[in-house]
Amino acid sequence: MESLGNMGSNLQNAFGFDSDLWIYLVENIVIIVIYHIITEVILTKKLNLE
């Protein structure tokens, strides 16, 4: 079981997950918020459901 922990930490060091993960998460959250706003605008102003 200890070897699995070492493998995970080696992967984190090799791919730089420690520092780049937060940047990746923030970028994805910003993209999700932008897409949500665009979708809300389209559904409320452009799509006539009445």
Protein backbone atom coordinates (compact mmCIF):
# COMPACT_ATOMS: atom_id res chain seq x y z
CA MET A 1 0.00 0.00 0.00
CA GLU A 2 2.91 2.29 0.65
CA SER A 3 4.09 1.92 -2.94
CA LEU A 4 0.77 3.32 -4.20
CA GLY A 5 1.27 6.44 -2.09
CA ASN A 6 4.77 6.87 -3.46
CA MET A 7 3.49 6.41 -7.00
CA GLY A 8 0.88 9.14 -6.46
CA SER A 9 3.42 11.58 -5.07
CA ASN A 10 5.80 10.80 -7.94
CA LEU A 11 3.03 11.53 -10.46
CA GLN A 12 2.27 14.82 -8.72
CA ASN A 13 5.90 15.84 -8.90
CA ALA A 14 6.30 14.70 -12.50
CA PHE A 15 3.24 16.49 -13.87
CA GLY A 16 3.25 19.47 -11.51
CA PHE A 17 -0.26 18.85 -10.15
CA ASP A 18 0.51 20.68 -6.92
CA SER A 19 0.89 24.16 -8.43
CA ASP A 20 -0.99 23.87 -11.70
CA LEU A 21 -4.08 22.20 -10.28
CA TRP A 22 -5.38 25.38 -8.67
CA ILE A 23 -4.86 27.39 -11.85
CA TYR A 24 -6.70 24.71 -13.84
CA LEU A 25 -9.59 24.68 -11.37
CA VAL A 26 -9.94 28.47 -11.37
CA GLU A 27 -9.88 28.57 -15.18
CA ASN A 28 -12.60 25.94 -15.35
CA ILE A 29 -14.76 27.74 -12.80
CA VAL A 30 -14.47 30.98 -14.77
CA ILE A 31 -15.43 29.19 -18.00
CA ILE A 32 -18.42 27.55 -16.29
CA VAL A 33 -19.62 30.90 -14.94
CA ILE A 34 -19.29 32.54 -18.37
CA TYR A 35 -21.20 29.73 -20.08
CA HIS A 36 -23.88 29.90 -17.39
CA ILE A 37 -24.35 33.64 -17.88
CA ILE A 38 -24.53 33.26 -21.66
CA THR A 39 -27.08 30.46 -21.32
CA GLU A 40 -29.21 32.49 -18.92
CA VAL A 41 -29.23 35.47 -21.27
CA ILE A 42 -30.19 33.33 -24.25
CA LEU A 43 -32.96 31.57 -22.35
CA THR A 44 -34.46 34.72 -20.84
CA LYS A 45 -34.08 37.28 -23.63
CA LYS A 46 -33.82 35.42 -26.92
CA LEU A 47 -36.04 32.38 -26.37
CA ASN A 48 -39.74 33.13 -26.30
CA LEU A 49 -41.51 30.32 -24.46
CA GLU A 50 -44.87 32.03 -24.15
